[in-house]
Amino acid sequence: MTSMTMEDVKTALSPYHNQIKQVVAEGYDEWQRIAAFRVISGYSPILYSRTVANYVFDAVARNAQTAFSREKTVRVRQETQTIKFIFASKVIVRFKKGDEDHLGRNIPTQAVLDYLDPQQKLPGFPPEAAKVEIVWTANDIGTAIENVTVVARDGNTLLWSYNIDNEADEVGAGILPFPAGRAPDDFSPLVVVKPGKPKRESK
């Protein structure tokens, strides 16, 4: 595998950034709905945090498979225990829950070790493609996704990372444009300010 720079990977993935964030957010939202259903149905709380991580991973994987199977420039590789995506034959991606260091949580199987070794080739994948993880982290109260981060690793060492920002959120977020030019003749404001009574001059 070649060692692509962060800018190279970001350039390759940027056309898909909004889709990536959406599949993660929708997967997490699905779990939130399931959790709410469990509460109103009187089920006892989940005992193990890995159960939640597994459910969210499954939901994200299903959403991503549906979204990216329609993209001609993305290959979907379904495997026994995971699913991988190859973007434009340049970047191999897998989704993971992030830890406190924004690294994917992994059981160190041989397949995981091979994936986290930038120089290790993966059978059936483009040998020149970079391997990255897209990791998600929730906010402090666990109600929504806070960050979606692209991470390149060499084993347990972080090589580089960047947060995916929703481009739609970046342009004019929270700002309403003022109309330019003269108002039309039939313009009627919603609020009409009535003129006040003239003040009497004090003697």
N, C-alpha and C. Protein backbone atom coordinates (compact mmCIF):
# COMPACT_ATOMS: atom_id res chain seq x y z
N MET A 1 0.84 -1.19 0.00
CA MET A 1 0.00 0.00 0.00
C MET A 1 0.88 1.25 0.00
N THR A 2 0.49 2.22 -0.75
CA THR A 2 1.21 3.48 -0.73
C THR A 2 0.76 4.30 0.47
N SER A 3 1.61 5.21 0.89
CA SER A 3 1.28 6.07 2.02
C SER A 3 0.81 7.41 1.48
N MET A 4 -0.50 7.58 1.35
CA MET A 4 -1.04 8.82 0.82
C MET A 4 -1.06 9.87 1.91
N THR A 5 -0.88 11.11 1.51
CA THR A 5 -0.93 12.21 2.47
C THR A 5 -2.38 12.50 2.85
N MET A 6 -2.54 13.26 3.91
CA MET A 6 -3.87 13.64 4.34
C MET A 6 -4.58 14.41 3.23
N GLU A 7 -3.87 15.32 2.57
CA GLU A 7 -4.48 16.12 1.52
C GLU A 7 -4.92 15.26 0.34
N ASP A 8 -4.13 14.22 0.01
CA ASP A 8 -4.52 13.31 -1.08
C ASP A 8 -5.81 12.58 -0.74
N VAL A 9 -5.88 12.06 0.48
CA VAL A 9 -7.08 11.33 0.90
C VAL A 9 -8.28 12.27 0.97
N LYS A 10 -8.05 13.47 1.52
CA LYS A 10 -9.14 14.44 1.65
C LYS A 10 -9.68 14.82 0.28
N THR A 11 -8.81 14.98 -0.69
CA THR A 11 -9.24 15.31 -2.06
C THR A 11 -10.08 14.18 -2.64
N ALA A 12 -9.66 12.93 -2.40
CA ALA A 12 -10.38 11.78 -2.94
C ALA A 12 -11.74 11.60 -2.28
N LEU A 13 -11.84 11.90 -0.97
CA LEU A 13 -13.07 11.66 -0.24
C LEU A 13 -14.02 12.86 -0.21
N SER A 14 -13.52 14.05 -0.50
CA SER A 14 -14.34 15.25 -0.34
C SER A 14 -15.66 15.22 -1.11
N PRO A 15 -15.74 14.61 -2.31
CA PRO A 15 -17.05 14.56 -2.97
C PRO A 15 -18.09 13.75 -2.20
N TYR A 16 -17.63 12.93 -1.25
CA TYR A 16 -18.54 12.05 -0.53
C TYR A 16 -18.70 12.45 0.94
N HIS A 17 -18.10 13.56 1.35
CA HIS A 17 -18.12 13.95 2.76
C HIS A 17 -19.54 14.04 3.32
N ASN A 18 -20.42 14.72 2.62
CA ASN A 18 -21.77 14.89 3.13
C ASN A 18 -22.50 13.55 3.25
N GLN A 19 -22.31 12.67 2.28
CA GLN A 19 -22.92 11.35 2.35
C GLN A 19 -22.37 10.55 3.53
N ILE A 20 -21.07 10.65 3.75
CA ILE A 20 -20.45 9.92 4.86
C ILE A 20 -21.03 10.39 6.18
N LYS A 21 -21.12 11.70 6.36
CA LYS A 21 -21.69 12.21 7.60
C LYS A 21 -23.14 11.80 7.75
N GLN A 22 -23.87 11.77 6.66
CA GLN A 22 -25.29 11.43 6.73
C GLN A 22 -25.50 9.98 7.13
N VAL A 23 -24.73 9.05 6.55
CA VAL A 23 -24.94 7.63 6.89
C VAL A 23 -24.59 7.37 8.35
N VAL A 24 -23.59 8.08 8.87
CA VAL A 24 -23.24 7.92 10.28
C VAL A 24 -24.34 8.50 11.18
N ALA A 25 -24.79 9.72 10.86
CA ALA A 25 -25.82 10.36 11.68
C ALA A 25 -27.12 9.56 11.66
N GLU A 26 -27.49 9.04 10.51
CA GLU A 26 -28.72 8.26 10.43
C GLU A 26 -28.60 6.94 11.17
N GLY A 27 -27.41 6.33 11.12
CA GLY A 27 -27.19 5.10 11.88
C GLY A 27 -27.30 5.32 13.37
N TYR A 28 -26.74 6.43 13.85
CA TYR A 28 -26.81 6.73 15.27
C TYR A 28 -28.23 7.10 15.67
N ASP A 29 -28.92 7.82 14.79
CA ASP A 29 -30.31 8.18 15.07
C ASP A 29 -31.19 6.94 15.16
N GLU A 30 -30.88 5.93 14.35
CA GLU A 30 -31.64 4.67 14.43
C GLU A 30 -31.50 4.05 15.82
N TRP A 31 -30.25 4.04 16.32
CA TRP A 31 -30.06 3.50 17.66
C TRP A 31 -30.81 4.32 18.70
N GLN A 32 -30.82 5.64 18.57
CA GLN A 32 -31.55 6.48 19.52
C GLN A 32 -33.04 6.12 19.55
N ARG A 33 -33.61 5.83 18.40
CA ARG A 33 -35.01 5.44 18.33
C ARG A 33 -35.24 4.09 18.98
N ILE A 34 -34.31 3.17 18.76
CA ILE A 34 -34.41 1.85 19.40
C ILE A 34 -34.30 1.99 20.91
N ALA A 35 -33.36 2.83 21.37
CA ALA A 35 -33.18 3.04 22.81
C ALA A 35 -34.44 3.64 23.43
N ALA A 36 -35.06 4.59 22.74
CA ALA A 36 -36.29 5.20 23.24
C ALA A 36 -37.42 4.17 23.32
N PHE A 37 -37.49 3.31 22.32
CA PHE A 37 -38.50 2.25 22.32
C PHE A 37 -38.28 1.30 23.50
N ARG A 38 -37.04 0.98 23.79
CA ARG A 38 -36.75 0.09 24.91
C ARG A 38 -37.23 0.70 26.23
N VAL A 39 -37.02 2.01 26.37
CA VAL A 39 -37.41 2.68 27.61
C VAL A 39 -38.93 2.65 27.79
N ILE A 40 -39.67 3.07 26.75
CA ILE A 40 -41.13 3.14 26.89
C ILE A 40 -41.75 1.74 26.97
N SER A 41 -41.01 0.72 26.53
CA SER A 41 -41.51 -0.65 26.60
C SER A 41 -41.15 -1.33 27.92
N GLY A 42 -40.37 -0.64 28.76
CA GLY A 42 -40.05 -1.18 30.07
C GLY A 42 -38.90 -2.16 30.10
N TYR A 43 -38.10 -2.21 29.03
CA TYR A 43 -36.94 -3.10 29.03
C TYR A 43 -35.85 -2.55 29.94
N SER A 44 -35.06 -3.44 30.51
CA SER A 44 -33.96 -3.01 31.37
C SER A 44 -32.85 -2.41 30.53
N PRO A 45 -32.00 -1.57 31.14
CA PRO A 45 -30.92 -0.91 30.37
C PRO A 45 -29.93 -1.93 29.79
N ILE A 46 -29.30 -1.52 28.68
CA ILE A 46 -28.24 -2.33 28.06
C ILE A 46 -27.09 -2.48 29.05
N LEU A 47 -26.58 -3.69 29.19
CA LEU A 47 -25.51 -3.93 30.16
C LEU A 47 -24.14 -3.54 29.62
N TYR A 48 -23.90 -3.77 28.33
CA TYR A 48 -22.54 -3.62 27.80
C TYR A 48 -22.51 -2.55 26.71
N SER A 49 -21.55 -1.66 26.83
CA SER A 49 -21.44 -0.57 25.84
C SER A 49 -21.14 -1.11 24.45
N ARG A 50 -20.49 -2.28 24.37
CA ARG A 50 -20.17 -2.84 23.06
C ARG A 50 -21.43 -3.23 22.30
N THR A 51 -22.53 -3.49 23.04
CA THR A 51 -23.80 -3.80 22.37
C THR A 51 -24.27 -2.59 21.57
N VAL A 52 -24.16 -1.42 22.18
CA VAL A 52 -24.55 -0.18 21.49
C VAL A 52 -23.64 0.05 20.29
N ALA A 53 -22.32 -0.10 20.49
CA ALA A 53 -21.36 0.11 19.40
C ALA A 53 -21.64 -0.84 18.24
N ASN A 54 -21.97 -2.10 18.55
CA ASN A 54 -22.26 -3.07 17.51
C ASN A 54 -23.52 -2.71 16.74
N TYR A 55 -24.53 -2.23 17.46
CA TYR A 55 -25.78 -1.86 16.78
C TYR A 55 -25.55 -0.67 15.86
N VAL A 56 -24.86 0.35 16.39
CA VAL A 56 -24.61 1.54 15.57
C VAL A 56 -23.78 1.18 14.35
N PHE A 57 -22.76 0.33 14.55
CA PHE A 57 -21.94 -0.09 13.41
C PHE A 57 -22.80 -0.78 12.36
N ASP A 58 -23.69 -1.66 12.79
CA ASP A 58 -24.55 -2.37 11.85
C ASP A 58 -25.43 -1.40 11.07
N ALA A 59 -26.01 -0.42 11.80
CA ALA A 59 -26.88 0.56 11.15
C ALA A 59 -26.10 1.43 10.18
N VAL A 60 -24.91 1.88 10.58
CA VAL A 60 -24.07 2.69 9.69
C VAL A 60 -23.67 1.89 8.46
N ALA A 61 -23.29 0.62 8.67
CA ALA A 61 -22.87 -0.23 7.55
C ALA A 61 -24.02 -0.43 6.56
N ARG A 62 -25.23 -0.64 7.07
CA ARG A 62 -26.39 -0.82 6.19
C ARG A 62 -26.67 0.46 5.40
N ASN A 63 -26.63 1.59 6.10
CA ASN A 63 -26.87 2.87 5.43
C ASN A 63 -25.82 3.15 4.36
N ALA A 64 -24.56 2.90 4.72
CA ALA A 64 -23.47 3.16 3.77
C ALA A 64 -23.55 2.23 2.57
N GLN A 65 -23.91 0.98 2.81
CA GLN A 65 -24.05 0.03 1.71
C GLN A 65 -25.12 0.49 0.73
N THR A 66 -26.24 0.95 1.27
CA THR A 66 -27.33 1.43 0.42
C THR A 66 -26.92 2.70 -0.34
N ALA A 67 -26.29 3.64 0.37
CA ALA A 67 -25.94 4.92 -0.24
C ALA A 67 -24.87 4.76 -1.31
N PHE A 68 -23.82 4.00 -1.01
CA PHE A 68 -22.67 3.98 -1.91
C PHE A 68 -22.76 2.90 -2.99
N SER A 69 -23.69 1.96 -2.86
CA SER A 69 -23.86 0.98 -3.93
C SER A 69 -24.42 1.63 -5.18
N ARG A 70 -24.98 2.85 -5.03
CA ARG A 70 -25.50 3.59 -6.18
C ARG A 70 -24.42 4.45 -6.85
N GLU A 71 -23.25 4.55 -6.21
CA GLU A 71 -22.17 5.38 -6.76
C GLU A 71 -21.26 4.53 -7.64
N LYS A 72 -21.11 4.95 -8.89
CA LYS A 72 -20.28 4.18 -9.83
C LYS A 72 -18.80 4.20 -9.45
N THR A 73 -18.38 5.23 -8.72
CA THR A 73 -16.96 5.36 -8.38
C THR A 73 -16.63 4.75 -7.01
N VAL A 74 -17.60 4.08 -6.39
CA VAL A 74 -17.36 3.45 -5.09
C VAL A 74 -17.66 1.95 -5.19
N ARG A 75 -16.71 1.16 -4.74
CA ARG A 75 -16.92 -0.29 -4.67
C ARG A 75 -17.23 -0.68 -3.23
N VAL A 76 -18.20 -1.57 -3.06
CA VAL A 76 -18.59 -2.04 -1.74
C VAL A 76 -18.11 -3.48 -1.60
N ARG A 77 -17.36 -3.73 -0.52
CA ARG A 77 -16.81 -5.07 -0.29
C ARG A 77 -17.40 -5.61 1.02
N GLN A 78 -18.38 -6.51 0.89
CA GLN A 78 -19.01 -7.13 2.06
C GLN A 78 -18.16 -8.31 2.51
N GLU A 79 -17.81 -8.32 3.80
CA GLU A 79 -17.02 -9.41 4.36
C GLU A 79 -17.77 -10.04 5.52
N THR A 80 -17.22 -11.11 6.08
CA THR A 80 -17.91 -11.85 7.13
C THR A 80 -18.19 -11.00 8.35
N GLN A 81 -17.19 -10.26 8.82
CA GLN A 81 -17.31 -9.50 10.06
C GLN A 81 -17.37 -7.99 9.87
N THR A 82 -17.16 -7.53 8.64
CA THR A 82 -17.13 -6.09 8.42
C THR A 82 -17.50 -5.78 6.98
N ILE A 83 -17.47 -4.52 6.64
CA ILE A 83 -17.72 -4.07 5.27
C ILE A 83 -16.74 -2.95 4.97
N LYS A 84 -16.18 -2.97 3.76
CA LYS A 84 -15.22 -1.95 3.36
C LYS A 84 -15.70 -1.29 2.08
N PHE A 85 -15.23 -0.05 1.89
CA PHE A 85 -15.61 0.74 0.73
C PHE A 85 -14.35 1.27 0.06
N ILE A 86 -14.29 1.16 -1.26
CA ILE A 86 -13.13 1.65 -2.02
C ILE A 86 -13.61 2.84 -2.85
N PHE A 87 -13.10 4.01 -2.52
CA PHE A 87 -13.51 5.25 -3.17
C PHE A 87 -12.54 5.58 -4.30
N ALA A 88 -13.07 5.63 -5.53
CA ALA A 88 -12.31 6.02 -6.72
C ALA A 88 -11.03 5.21 -6.88
N SER A 89 -11.02 3.98 -6.38
CA SER A 89 -9.85 3.08 -6.44
C SER A 89 -8.63 3.66 -5.74
N LYS A 90 -8.85 4.67 -4.88
CA LYS A 90 -7.73 5.36 -4.24
C LYS A 90 -7.71 5.19 -2.73
N VAL A 91 -8.87 5.10 -2.11
CA VAL A 91 -8.95 5.08 -0.65
C VAL A 91 -9.88 3.96 -0.21
N ILE A 92 -9.37 3.11 0.67
CA ILE A 92 -10.17 2.05 1.28
C ILE A 92 -10.63 2.55 2.64
N VAL A 93 -11.92 2.39 2.91
CA VAL A 93 -12.52 2.95 4.12
C VAL A 93 -13.26 1.86 4.88
N ARG A 94 -13.17 1.92 6.19
CA ARG A 94 -14.08 1.16 7.03
C ARG A 94 -14.52 2.07 8.18
N PHE A 95 -15.73 1.84 8.67
CA PHE A 95 -16.32 2.67 9.71
C PHE A 95 -16.09 2.02 11.07
N LYS A 96 -15.78 2.86 12.07
CA LYS A 96 -15.54 2.37 13.44
C LYS A 96 -16.01 3.41 14.45
N LYS A 97 -16.34 2.93 15.65
CA LYS A 97 -16.58 3.84 16.75
C LYS A 97 -15.24 4.34 17.27
N GLY A 98 -15.14 5.64 17.56
CA GLY A 98 -13.89 6.22 18.03
C GLY A 98 -13.76 6.16 19.53
N ASP A 99 -12.52 6.09 20.00
CA ASP A 99 -12.26 6.15 21.44
C ASP A 99 -11.95 7.59 21.83
N GLU A 100 -11.44 7.78 23.05
CA GLU A 100 -11.17 9.14 23.53
C GLU A 100 -10.07 9.83 22.72
N ASP A 101 -9.25 9.05 22.01
CA ASP A 101 -8.21 9.62 21.17
C ASP A 101 -8.64 9.70 19.70
N HIS A 102 -9.93 9.46 19.44
CA HIS A 102 -10.49 9.46 18.09
C HIS A 102 -9.87 8.38 17.21
N LEU A 103 -9.45 7.28 17.83
CA LEU A 103 -8.98 6.12 17.08
C LEU A 103 -10.06 5.05 17.12
N GLY A 104 -10.15 4.26 16.04
CA GLY A 104 -11.13 3.20 16.00
C GLY A 104 -10.82 2.13 17.03
N ARG A 105 -11.87 1.64 17.66
CA ARG A 105 -11.70 0.57 18.65
C ARG A 105 -11.67 -0.76 17.92
N ASN A 106 -10.59 -1.50 18.11
CA ASN A 106 -10.39 -2.73 17.34
C ASN A 106 -9.91 -3.86 18.25
N ILE A 107 -10.47 -5.06 18.04
CA ILE A 107 -9.90 -6.26 18.62
C ILE A 107 -8.73 -6.65 17.73
N PRO A 108 -7.54 -6.86 18.29
CA PRO A 108 -6.35 -7.05 17.44
C PRO A 108 -6.28 -8.42 16.77
N THR A 109 -7.21 -8.68 15.85
CA THR A 109 -7.12 -9.89 15.04
C THR A 109 -6.07 -9.68 13.95
N GLN A 110 -5.72 -10.74 13.24
CA GLN A 110 -4.73 -10.60 12.17
C GLN A 110 -5.26 -9.71 11.06
N ALA A 111 -6.54 -9.82 10.77
CA ALA A 111 -7.14 -8.97 9.73
C ALA A 111 -7.06 -7.50 10.12
N VAL A 112 -7.29 -7.20 11.39
CA VAL A 112 -7.19 -5.81 11.87
C VAL A 112 -5.76 -5.33 11.79
N LEU A 113 -4.81 -6.15 12.22
CA LEU A 113 -3.40 -5.77 12.17
C LEU A 113 -2.95 -5.50 10.73
N ASP A 114 -3.44 -6.31 9.80
CA ASP A 114 -3.10 -6.10 8.39
C ASP A 114 -3.68 -4.78 7.88
N TYR A 115 -4.90 -4.47 8.32
CA TYR A 115 -5.53 -3.23 7.86
C TYR A 115 -4.81 -2.01 8.41
N LEU A 116 -4.35 -2.10 9.65
CA LEU A 116 -3.72 -0.95 10.29
C LEU A 116 -2.24 -0.80 9.93
N ASP A 117 -1.71 -1.72 9.13
CA ASP A 117 -0.34 -1.61 8.64
C ASP A 117 -0.37 -0.98 7.25
N PRO A 118 0.10 0.27 7.11
CA PRO A 118 0.00 0.95 5.81
C PRO A 118 0.70 0.21 4.68
N GLN A 119 1.70 -0.60 5.00
CA GLN A 119 2.47 -1.28 3.96
C GLN A 119 1.90 -2.66 3.61
N GLN A 120 0.94 -3.13 4.37
CA GLN A 120 0.40 -4.47 4.14
C GLN A 120 -0.66 -4.44 3.05
N LYS A 121 -0.51 -5.28 2.04
CA LYS A 121 -1.49 -5.36 0.96
C LYS A 121 -2.68 -6.21 1.40
N LEU A 122 -3.86 -5.82 0.95
CA LEU A 122 -5.08 -6.57 1.24
C LEU A 122 -5.51 -7.30 -0.02
N PRO A 123 -5.68 -8.62 0.04
CA PRO A 123 -6.09 -9.38 -1.15
C PRO A 123 -7.41 -8.86 -1.71
N GLY A 124 -7.44 -8.67 -3.01
CA GLY A 124 -8.66 -8.23 -3.68
C GLY A 124 -8.87 -6.72 -3.70
N PHE A 125 -7.93 -5.97 -3.13
CA PHE A 125 -8.04 -4.51 -3.10
C PHE A 125 -6.94 -3.90 -3.95
N PRO A 126 -7.15 -2.68 -4.48
CA PRO A 126 -6.09 -2.02 -5.25
C PRO A 126 -4.83 -1.86 -4.40
N PRO A 127 -3.69 -2.35 -4.84
CA PRO A 127 -2.48 -2.29 -4.02
C PRO A 127 -1.98 -0.88 -3.76
N GLU A 128 -2.38 0.07 -4.61
CA GLU A 128 -1.92 1.45 -4.46
C GLU A 128 -2.84 2.27 -3.56
N ALA A 129 -3.96 1.71 -3.13
CA ALA A 129 -4.95 2.48 -2.36
C ALA A 129 -4.52 2.65 -0.90
N ALA A 130 -4.85 3.80 -0.34
CA ALA A 130 -4.59 4.05 1.08
C ALA A 130 -5.70 3.43 1.92
N LYS A 131 -5.38 3.07 3.16
CA LYS A 131 -6.37 2.50 4.08
C LYS A 131 -6.60 3.48 5.22
N VAL A 132 -7.85 3.83 5.43
CA VAL A 132 -8.18 4.76 6.52
C VAL A 132 -9.41 4.23 7.25
N GLU A 133 -9.61 4.76 8.44
CA GLU A 133 -10.83 4.50 9.20
C GLU A 133 -11.63 5.79 9.28
N ILE A 134 -12.93 5.66 9.18
CA ILE A 134 -13.82 6.78 9.47
C ILE A 134 -14.47 6.49 10.81
N VAL A 135 -14.12 7.27 11.81
CA VAL A 135 -14.58 7.01 13.17
C VAL A 135 -15.57 8.08 13.60
N TRP A 136 -16.52 7.66 14.40
CA TRP A 136 -17.51 8.60 14.92
C TRP A 136 -17.44 8.63 16.44
N THR A 137 -17.72 9.78 17.00
CA THR A 137 -17.82 9.93 18.44
C THR A 137 -19.10 10.71 18.74
N ALA A 138 -19.76 10.32 19.83
CA ALA A 138 -21.00 10.98 20.23
C ALA A 138 -20.69 12.11 21.20
N ASN A 139 -21.69 12.97 21.44
CA ASN A 139 -21.50 14.04 22.41
C ASN A 139 -21.50 13.46 23.83
N ASP A 140 -21.27 14.33 24.80
CA ASP A 140 -21.08 13.86 26.18
C ASP A 140 -22.30 13.16 26.75
N ILE A 141 -23.49 13.54 26.29
CA ILE A 141 -24.70 12.92 26.83
C ILE A 141 -25.25 11.83 25.90
N GLY A 142 -24.51 11.53 24.85
CA GLY A 142 -24.87 10.40 24.00
C GLY A 142 -26.13 10.56 23.19
N THR A 143 -26.49 11.79 22.84
CA THR A 143 -27.73 12.02 22.11
C THR A 143 -27.53 12.24 20.62
N ALA A 144 -26.30 12.50 20.19
CA ALA A 144 -26.07 12.79 18.78
C ALA A 144 -24.59 12.61 18.46
N ILE A 145 -24.30 12.47 17.18
CA ILE A 145 -22.91 12.38 16.72
C ILE A 145 -22.27 13.75 16.84
N GLU A 146 -21.09 13.80 17.44
CA GLU A 146 -20.37 15.07 17.59
C GLU A 146 -19.30 15.25 16.53
N ASN A 147 -18.55 14.18 16.23
CA ASN A 147 -17.48 14.26 15.25
C ASN A 147 -17.47 13.03 14.36
N VAL A 148 -17.18 13.25 13.08
CA VAL A 148 -16.87 12.17 12.15
C VAL A 148 -15.48 12.48 11.62
N THR A 149 -14.54 11.58 11.86
CA THR A 149 -13.13 11.87 11.62
C THR A 149 -12.51 10.81 10.71
N VAL A 150 -11.73 11.25 9.75
CA VAL A 150 -10.95 10.34 8.90
C VAL A 150 -9.58 10.18 9.54
N VAL A 151 -9.19 8.93 9.76
CA VAL A 151 -7.98 8.64 10.52
C VAL A 151 -7.08 7.69 9.74
N ALA A 152 -5.80 8.03 9.67
CA ALA A 152 -4.79 7.14 9.11
C ALA A 152 -3.89 6.67 10.25
N ARG A 153 -3.65 5.36 10.30
CA ARG A 153 -2.89 4.79 11.41
C ARG A 153 -1.76 3.91 10.90
N ASP A 154 -0.78 3.74 11.77
CA ASP A 154 0.23 2.70 11.61
C ASP A 154 0.20 1.92 12.91
N GLY A 155 -0.57 0.85 12.93
CA GLY A 155 -0.78 0.13 14.18
C GLY A 155 -1.56 1.00 15.16
N ASN A 156 -0.99 1.19 16.35
CA ASN A 156 -1.63 2.03 17.36
C ASN A 156 -1.19 3.49 17.28
N THR A 157 -0.40 3.81 16.27
CA THR A 157 0.11 5.17 16.12
C THR A 157 -0.76 5.95 15.14
N LEU A 158 -1.18 7.14 15.55
CA LEU A 158 -1.95 8.02 14.68
C LEU A 158 -0.99 8.73 13.73
N LEU A 159 -1.18 8.56 12.43
CA LEU A 159 -0.36 9.26 11.45
C LEU A 159 -0.91 10.65 11.17
N TRP A 160 -2.20 10.76 10.95
CA TRP A 160 -2.88 12.03 10.76
C TRP A 160 -4.38 11.80 10.84
N SER A 161 -5.12 12.90 10.99
CA SER A 161 -6.58 12.80 11.00
C SER A 161 -7.16 14.16 10.63
N TYR A 162 -8.40 14.15 10.15
CA TYR A 162 -9.13 15.40 9.94
C TYR A 162 -10.61 15.14 10.14
N ASN A 163 -11.31 16.15 10.65
CA ASN A 163 -12.75 16.06 10.84
C ASN A 163 -13.46 16.38 9.54
N ILE A 164 -14.51 15.61 9.27
CA ILE A 164 -15.35 15.90 8.10
C ILE A 164 -16.36 16.95 8.49
N ASP A 165 -16.31 18.08 7.82
CA ASP A 165 -17.26 19.16 8.05
C ASP A 165 -18.29 19.15 6.95
N ASN A 166 -19.54 19.29 7.34
CA ASN A 166 -20.61 19.33 6.36
C ASN A 166 -20.54 20.65 5.61
N GLU A 167 -20.31 20.56 4.31
CA GLU A 167 -20.14 21.77 3.51
C GLU A 167 -21.38 22.64 3.54
N ALA A 168 -22.55 22.03 3.62
CA ALA A 168 -23.78 22.82 3.66
C ALA A 168 -23.87 23.64 4.94
N ASP A 169 -23.24 23.13 6.02
CA ASP A 169 -23.26 23.86 7.28
C ASP A 169 -22.27 25.02 7.29
N GLU A 170 -21.26 24.93 6.43
CA GLU A 170 -20.19 25.92 6.47
C GLU A 170 -20.58 27.20 5.74
N VAL A 171 -21.43 27.09 4.74
CA VAL A 171 -21.76 28.25 3.91
C VAL A 171 -22.95 28.97 4.51
N GLY A 172 -22.70 30.16 5.07
CA GLY A 172 -23.78 30.99 5.57
C GLY A 172 -24.58 30.37 6.68
N ALA A 173 -23.95 29.55 7.51
CA ALA A 173 -24.69 28.89 8.58
C ALA A 173 -25.27 29.91 9.53
N GLY A 174 -26.59 29.86 9.71
CA GLY A 174 -27.26 30.72 10.67
C GLY A 174 -27.40 32.17 10.24
N ILE A 175 -27.08 32.49 8.99
CA ILE A 175 -27.14 33.88 8.52
C ILE A 175 -28.19 33.98 7.44
N LEU A 176 -29.14 34.86 7.62
CA LEU A 176 -30.16 35.09 6.61
C LEU A 176 -29.77 36.29 5.77
N PRO A 177 -29.73 36.15 4.44
CA PRO A 177 -29.30 37.28 3.60
C PRO A 177 -30.36 38.37 3.58
N PHE A 178 -29.90 39.63 3.57
CA PHE A 178 -30.80 40.75 3.43
C PHE A 178 -31.10 40.95 1.95
N PRO A 179 -32.34 41.32 1.60
CA PRO A 179 -32.64 41.55 0.19
C PRO A 179 -31.89 42.75 -0.33
N ALA A 180 -31.40 42.63 -1.56
CA ALA A 180 -30.64 43.72 -2.17
C ALA A 180 -31.55 44.55 -3.06
N GLY A 181 -31.27 45.83 -3.15
CA GLY A 181 -32.02 46.69 -4.06
C GLY A 181 -33.27 47.25 -3.43
N ARG A 182 -34.01 47.99 -4.24
CA ARG A 182 -35.23 48.68 -3.79
C ARG A 182 -36.38 47.70 -3.61
N ALA A 183 -37.20 47.92 -2.60
CA ALA A 183 -38.34 47.05 -2.36
C ALA A 183 -39.38 47.27 -3.44
N PRO A 184 -40.12 46.22 -3.84
CA PRO A 184 -41.16 46.39 -4.86
C PRO A 184 -42.26 47.31 -4.37
N ASP A 185 -43.04 47.87 -5.34
CA ASP A 185 -44.08 48.85 -5.00
C ASP A 185 -45.19 48.24 -4.15
N ASP A 186 -45.46 46.93 -4.35
CA ASP A 186 -46.55 46.31 -3.60
C ASP A 186 -46.05 45.66 -2.32
N PHE A 187 -44.83 46.00 -1.89
CA PHE A 187 -44.26 45.42 -0.68
C PHE A 187 -45.04 45.90 0.54
N SER A 188 -45.42 44.94 1.39
CA SER A 188 -46.15 45.27 2.61
C SER A 188 -45.44 44.62 3.78
N PRO A 189 -44.87 45.39 4.69
CA PRO A 189 -44.17 44.78 5.82
C PRO A 189 -45.13 44.06 6.74
N LEU A 190 -44.61 43.04 7.42
CA LEU A 190 -45.44 42.27 8.34
C LEU A 190 -45.81 43.10 9.57
N VAL A 191 -44.92 43.96 9.99
CA VAL A 191 -45.17 44.78 11.17
C VAL A 191 -45.17 46.24 10.73
N VAL A 192 -46.25 46.93 11.04
CA VAL A 192 -46.35 48.35 10.70
C VAL A 192 -46.24 49.15 11.99
N VAL A 193 -45.29 50.05 12.02
CA VAL A 193 -45.09 50.89 13.20
C VAL A 193 -45.93 52.13 13.05
N LYS A 194 -46.88 52.30 13.98
CA LYS A 194 -47.74 53.48 13.93
C LYS A 194 -47.00 54.69 14.47
N PRO A 195 -47.18 55.84 13.82
CA PRO A 195 -46.50 57.04 14.33
C PRO A 195 -47.05 57.43 15.70
N GLY A 196 -46.20 57.85 16.61
CA GLY A 196 -46.63 58.24 17.94
C GLY A 196 -47.26 59.62 17.95
N LYS A 197 -47.98 59.92 19.03
CA LYS A 197 -48.60 61.23 19.16
C LYS A 197 -47.52 62.30 19.34
N PRO A 198 -47.70 63.46 18.76
CA PRO A 198 -46.69 64.50 18.93
C PRO A 198 -46.62 64.95 20.40
N LYS A 199 -45.41 65.14 20.85
CA LYS A 199 -45.22 65.55 22.25
C LYS A 199 -45.52 67.06 22.40
N ARG A 200 -46.17 67.38 23.52
CA ARG A 200 -46.42 68.80 23.82
C ARG A 200 -45.17 69.42 24.39
N GLU A 201 -44.96 70.62 23.96
CA GLU A 201 -43.79 71.33 24.50
C GLU A 201 -44.11 71.85 25.89
N SER A 202 -43.22 71.63 26.77
CA SER A 202 -43.42 72.11 28.16
C SER A 202 -43.14 73.60 28.23
N LYS A 203 -43.97 74.28 28.99
CA LYS A 203 -43.82 75.73 29.13
C LYS A 203 -42.89 76.07 30.28
